[in-house]
Amino acid sequence: MLVQAAGLALLAAVSPAVLLIVAAYLGSARPGETTVFFLAGAVVMSTTLAVVGLVVLRSTGLSRPDHHASRYGLRLGLGLLLLAVSALLLVRRRRQRARPRPPRRSLVSRMVASPSPRSAFLVGLLVFGPGVTFLAALQVIATARTSIGVTIAGVALIIALDVALVWLPLLFYLAAPGLTQRKLSTFNGWLRAHGGALLIVVIFAVGIIMTVNGGSGLAAGGG
């Protein structure tokens, strides 16, 4: 259970937008402080979503043996939803490449352009808002028949993995500031060009995993 949830959480953590934001913050006037506040906002939002999601999913009794059909049905539904999202993103990406338009600056982009600890915290809350891939990882833990201790450890694990692209670069920056900034700047050039395709691949991969898991669970008739 923990291995499957961790794998889904790792895929959910792959976010080109997060890496671009971290690179911008680490290159700002107050890199360490700003990035720490961004991490704080990310942790607060991820923890809130995890607790609320866990309570909702556990209150439905999906971890009980007699709810195996509902449990795997939910996984199948999440998988199909993710596959549909990846298809829509692919269509939109092709249309944008066929008819390129000047990029519009979102609220998050404007906030990142003027970095401060307060705005970084708010950006963390916004960027790490509800996501289907994170919910897919949480659903594996919430619907498993495990003890409270294992459940708490599992939730803590997926939260840590969900924000890994914030705290990992921050740790590297604290150890080697100049090298980390140079590597991030170089990597971000590739990320800006291929980040959209990477996101589609990740969403599609999680969709396949959840669809296969949910479908096989329903076919086997087991929990």
Protein backbone atom coordinates (compact mmCIF):
# COMPACT_ATOMS: atom_id res chain seq x y z
CA MET A 1 0.00 0.00 0.00
CA LEU A 2 2.71 2.48 1.01
CA VAL A 3 4.79 1.66 -2.07
CA GLN A 4 1.85 2.22 -4.42
CA ALA A 5 0.84 5.45 -2.67
CA ALA A 6 4.45 6.70 -2.70
CA GLY A 7 4.77 5.97 -6.40
CA LEU A 8 1.60 7.91 -7.18
CA ALA A 9 2.71 10.76 -4.91
CA LEU A 10 6.04 10.96 -6.73
CA LEU A 11 4.24 11.23 -10.05
CA ALA A 12 1.90 13.84 -8.56
CA ALA A 13 4.94 15.84 -7.41
CA VAL A 14 6.27 16.22 -10.95
CA SER A 15 5.28 19.81 -11.66
CA PRO A 16 7.17 22.01 -14.14
CA ALA A 17 5.44 25.07 -12.65
CA VAL A 18 6.78 24.32 -9.16
CA LEU A 19 10.36 24.01 -10.38
CA LEU A 20 10.10 27.27 -12.31
CA ILE A 21 8.77 29.03 -9.22
CA VAL A 22 11.51 27.56 -7.00
CA ALA A 23 14.15 28.70 -9.49
CA ALA A 24 12.70 32.22 -9.46
CA TYR A 25 12.64 32.33 -5.66
CA LEU A 26 16.17 30.96 -5.28
CA GLY A 27 17.35 33.70 -7.62
CA SER A 28 15.56 36.47 -5.72
CA ALA A 29 16.97 39.00 -3.25
CA ARG A 30 16.05 36.80 -0.26
CA PRO A 31 16.29 33.30 -1.74
CA GLY A 32 16.31 31.15 1.40
CA GLU A 33 13.60 33.01 3.28
CA THR A 34 11.30 33.32 0.27
CA THR A 35 11.62 29.64 -0.64
CA VAL A 36 10.99 28.57 2.97
CA PHE A 37 7.74 30.53 3.00
CA PHE A 38 6.78 28.96 -0.34
CA LEU A 39 7.45 25.54 1.20
CA ALA A 40 5.38 26.48 4.26
CA GLY A 41 2.39 27.39 2.09
CA ALA A 42 2.78 24.16 0.12
CA VAL A 43 2.91 22.04 3.29
CA VAL A 44 -0.10 23.79 4.83
CA MET A 45 -2.22 23.27 1.71
CA SER A 46 -1.11 19.66 1.14
CA THR A 47 -1.70 18.78 4.80
CA THR A 48 -5.14 20.39 4.82
CA LEU A 49 -6.16 18.54 1.66
CA ALA A 50 -4.79 15.26 3.02
CA VAL A 51 -6.63 15.53 6.34
CA VAL A 52 -9.92 16.57 4.75
CA GLY A 53 -9.63 13.92 2.05
CA LEU A 54 -8.73 11.22 4.57
CA VAL A 55 -11.68 12.07 6.80
CA VAL A 56 -14.11 12.11 3.87
CA LEU A 57 -12.86 8.85 2.37
CA ARG A 58 -12.65 7.03 5.70
CA SER A 59 -16.12 8.25 6.74
CA THR A 60 -17.60 6.50 3.70
CA GLY A 61 -16.28 3.16 4.98
CA LEU A 62 -14.34 2.39 1.80
CA SER A 63 -11.67 0.57 3.79
CA ARG A 64 -14.16 -2.07 4.96
CA PRO A 65 -14.18 -5.45 3.17
CA ASP A 66 -17.84 -5.10 2.15
CA HIS A 67 -17.02 -1.88 0.28
CA HIS A 68 -14.43 -3.36 -2.08
CA ALA A 69 -16.57 -2.59 -5.15
CA SER A 70 -16.93 1.06 -4.16
CA ARG A 71 -13.24 1.29 -3.34
CA TYR A 72 -12.03 -0.04 -6.66
CA GLY A 73 -14.83 1.73 -8.49
CA LEU A 74 -13.51 5.02 -7.13
CA ARG A 75 -10.00 4.16 -8.28
CA LEU A 76 -11.30 3.28 -11.72
CA GLY A 77 -13.24 6.54 -11.88
CA LEU A 78 -10.17 8.57 -10.87
CA GLY A 79 -8.10 6.76 -13.48
CA LEU A 80 -10.60 7.45 -16.26
CA LEU A 81 -10.82 11.10 -15.17
CA LEU A 82 -7.05 11.47 -15.36
CA LEU A 83 -6.96 9.88 -18.81
CA ALA A 84 -9.62 12.35 -19.95
CA VAL A 85 -7.64 15.26 -18.49
CA SER A 86 -4.46 14.15 -20.25
CA ALA A 87 -6.36 13.91 -23.55
CA LEU A 88 -7.81 17.40 -23.12
CA LEU A 89 -4.39 18.83 -22.28
CA LEU A 90 -2.90 17.14 -25.35
CA VAL A 91 -5.58 18.62 -27.61
CA ARG A 92 -5.11 22.08 -26.10
CA ARG A 93 -1.34 21.85 -26.46
CA ARG A 94 -1.64 20.95 -30.15
CA ARG A 95 -4.04 23.83 -30.76
CA GLN A 96 -1.71 26.25 -29.01
CA ARG A 97 1.22 25.09 -31.11
CA ALA A 98 -0.85 25.39 -34.29
CA ARG A 99 -2.12 28.88 -33.37
CA PRO A 100 0.38 30.41 -30.94
CA ARG A 101 -0.86 33.35 -28.87
CA PRO A 102 0.98 35.80 -26.62
CA PRO A 103 1.18 34.25 -23.13
CA ARG A 104 -1.09 35.79 -20.52
CA ARG A 105 0.32 36.42 -17.08
CA SER A 106 -1.67 34.67 -14.38
CA LEU A 107 -2.08 35.83 -10.79
CA VAL A 108 0.59 33.38 -9.68
CA SER A 109 3.01 34.64 -12.35
CA ARG A 110 2.54 38.22 -11.22
CA MET A 111 3.09 37.25 -7.58
CA VAL A 112 6.23 35.28 -8.41
CA ALA A 113 7.59 38.23 -10.40
CA SER A 114 7.54 40.33 -7.20
CA PRO A 115 8.78 37.81 -4.64
CA SER A 116 8.36 38.32 -0.90
CA PRO A 117 7.88 35.87 1.98
CA ARG A 118 4.18 36.74 2.24
CA SER A 119 3.44 36.37 -1.47
CA ALA A 120 5.52 33.17 -1.58
CA PHE A 121 3.37 31.64 1.15
CA LEU A 122 0.22 32.52 -0.81
CA VAL A 123 1.72 31.10 -3.99
CA GLY A 124 2.40 27.86 -2.12
CA LEU A 125 -1.26 27.68 -1.11
CA LEU A 126 -2.44 28.35 -4.67
CA VAL A 127 -0.03 26.09 -6.57
CA PHE A 128 -0.55 23.13 -4.25
CA GLY A 129 -4.33 23.35 -4.35
CA PRO A 130 -6.57 20.31 -4.99
CA GLY A 131 -5.17 17.96 -7.62
CA VAL A 132 -6.50 14.65 -8.94
CA THR A 133 -3.07 13.00 -8.90
CA PHE A 134 -2.56 13.86 -5.22
CA LEU A 135 -6.07 12.59 -4.47
CA ALA A 136 -5.23 9.34 -6.25
CA ALA A 137 -2.26 8.78 -3.91
CA LEU A 138 -4.34 9.70 -0.86
CA GLN A 139 -7.15 7.38 -1.94
CA VAL A 140 -4.83 4.37 -1.85
CA ILE A 141 -4.01 5.05 1.81
CA ALA A 142 -7.47 6.14 2.91
CA THR A 143 -9.17 3.04 1.53
CA ALA A 144 -6.61 0.51 2.79
CA ARG A 145 -7.33 -1.65 5.83
CA THR A 146 -4.45 -0.45 8.00
CA SER A 147 -3.85 0.77 11.54
CA ILE A 148 -4.01 4.43 12.51
CA GLY A 149 -0.23 4.55 12.86
CA VAL A 150 0.38 3.21 9.35
CA THR A 151 -2.26 5.56 7.94
CA ILE A 152 -0.63 8.60 9.57
CA ALA A 153 2.80 7.51 8.33
CA GLY A 154 1.41 7.03 4.83
CA VAL A 155 -0.24 10.46 4.78
CA ALA A 156 2.95 12.09 6.05
CA LEU A 157 4.90 10.28 3.32
CA ILE A 158 2.73 11.47 0.44
CA ILE A 159 2.74 15.04 1.80
CA ALA A 160 6.55 15.00 1.95
CA LEU A 161 6.74 13.62 -1.58
CA ASP A 162 4.12 16.04 -2.88
CA VAL A 163 6.28 19.04 -1.91
CA ALA A 164 9.60 17.35 -2.73
CA LEU A 165 10.34 19.70 -5.63
CA VAL A 166 10.41 22.55 -3.12
CA TRP A 167 12.42 21.17 -0.22
CA LEU A 168 14.93 19.21 -2.32
CA PRO A 169 16.16 22.24 -4.32
CA LEU A 170 16.15 24.25 -1.09
CA LEU A 171 18.43 21.70 0.59
CA PHE A 172 20.75 21.67 -2.43
CA TYR A 173 20.79 25.48 -2.37
CA LEU A 174 21.75 25.56 1.31
CA ALA A 175 24.59 23.13 0.58
CA ALA A 176 25.80 24.71 -2.68
CA PRO A 177 24.04 28.01 -3.55
CA GLY A 178 25.88 28.92 -6.74
CA LEU A 179 25.87 25.46 -8.26
CA THR A 180 22.17 24.95 -7.51
CA GLN A 181 21.19 28.26 -9.11
CA ARG A 182 23.22 27.51 -12.24
CA LYS A 183 21.80 24.00 -12.61
CA LEU A 184 18.23 25.21 -12.10
CA SER A 185 18.68 27.99 -14.65
CA THR A 186 20.00 25.53 -17.21
CA PHE A 187 17.29 22.97 -16.50
CA ASN A 188 14.52 25.57 -16.63
CA GLY A 189 15.32 26.32 -20.27
CA TRP A 190 14.50 22.71 -21.13
CA LEU A 191 11.54 22.74 -18.75
CA ARG A 192 9.92 25.76 -20.39
CA ALA A 193 10.12 24.02 -23.76
CA HIS A 194 8.99 20.55 -22.68
CA GLY A 195 7.16 21.06 -19.37
CA GLY A 196 3.70 20.82 -20.95
CA ALA A 197 4.48 17.49 -22.59
CA LEU A 198 6.01 16.18 -19.36
CA LEU A 199 2.88 17.08 -17.40
CA ILE A 200 0.66 15.25 -19.91
CA VAL A 201 2.82 12.12 -19.70
CA VAL A 202 2.67 12.13 -15.89
CA ILE A 203 -1.10 12.56 -15.76
CA PHE A 204 -1.54 9.84 -18.38
CA ALA A 205 0.75 7.47 -16.43
CA VAL A 206 -1.19 7.97 -13.18
CA GLY A 207 -4.44 7.51 -15.10
CA ILE A 208 -3.25 4.19 -16.51
CA ILE A 209 -2.12 2.98 -13.07
CA MET A 210 -5.41 3.88 -11.38
CA THR A 211 -7.54 2.51 -14.23
CA VAL A 212 -5.71 -0.83 -14.31
CA ASN A 213 -5.73 -1.11 -10.51
CA GLY A 214 -9.40 -0.25 -10.22
CA GLY A 215 -10.45 -2.46 -13.11
CA SER A 216 -8.46 -5.46 -11.93
CA GLY A 217 -9.80 -5.01 -8.39
CA LEU A 218 -13.39 -5.00 -9.62
CA ALA A 219 -12.75 -7.99 -11.84
CA ALA A 220 -11.16 -9.94 -8.98
CA GLY A 221 -13.95 -8.99 -6.61
CA GLY A 222 -11.44 -8.50 -3.78
CA GLY A 223 -10.38 -5.66 -1.47
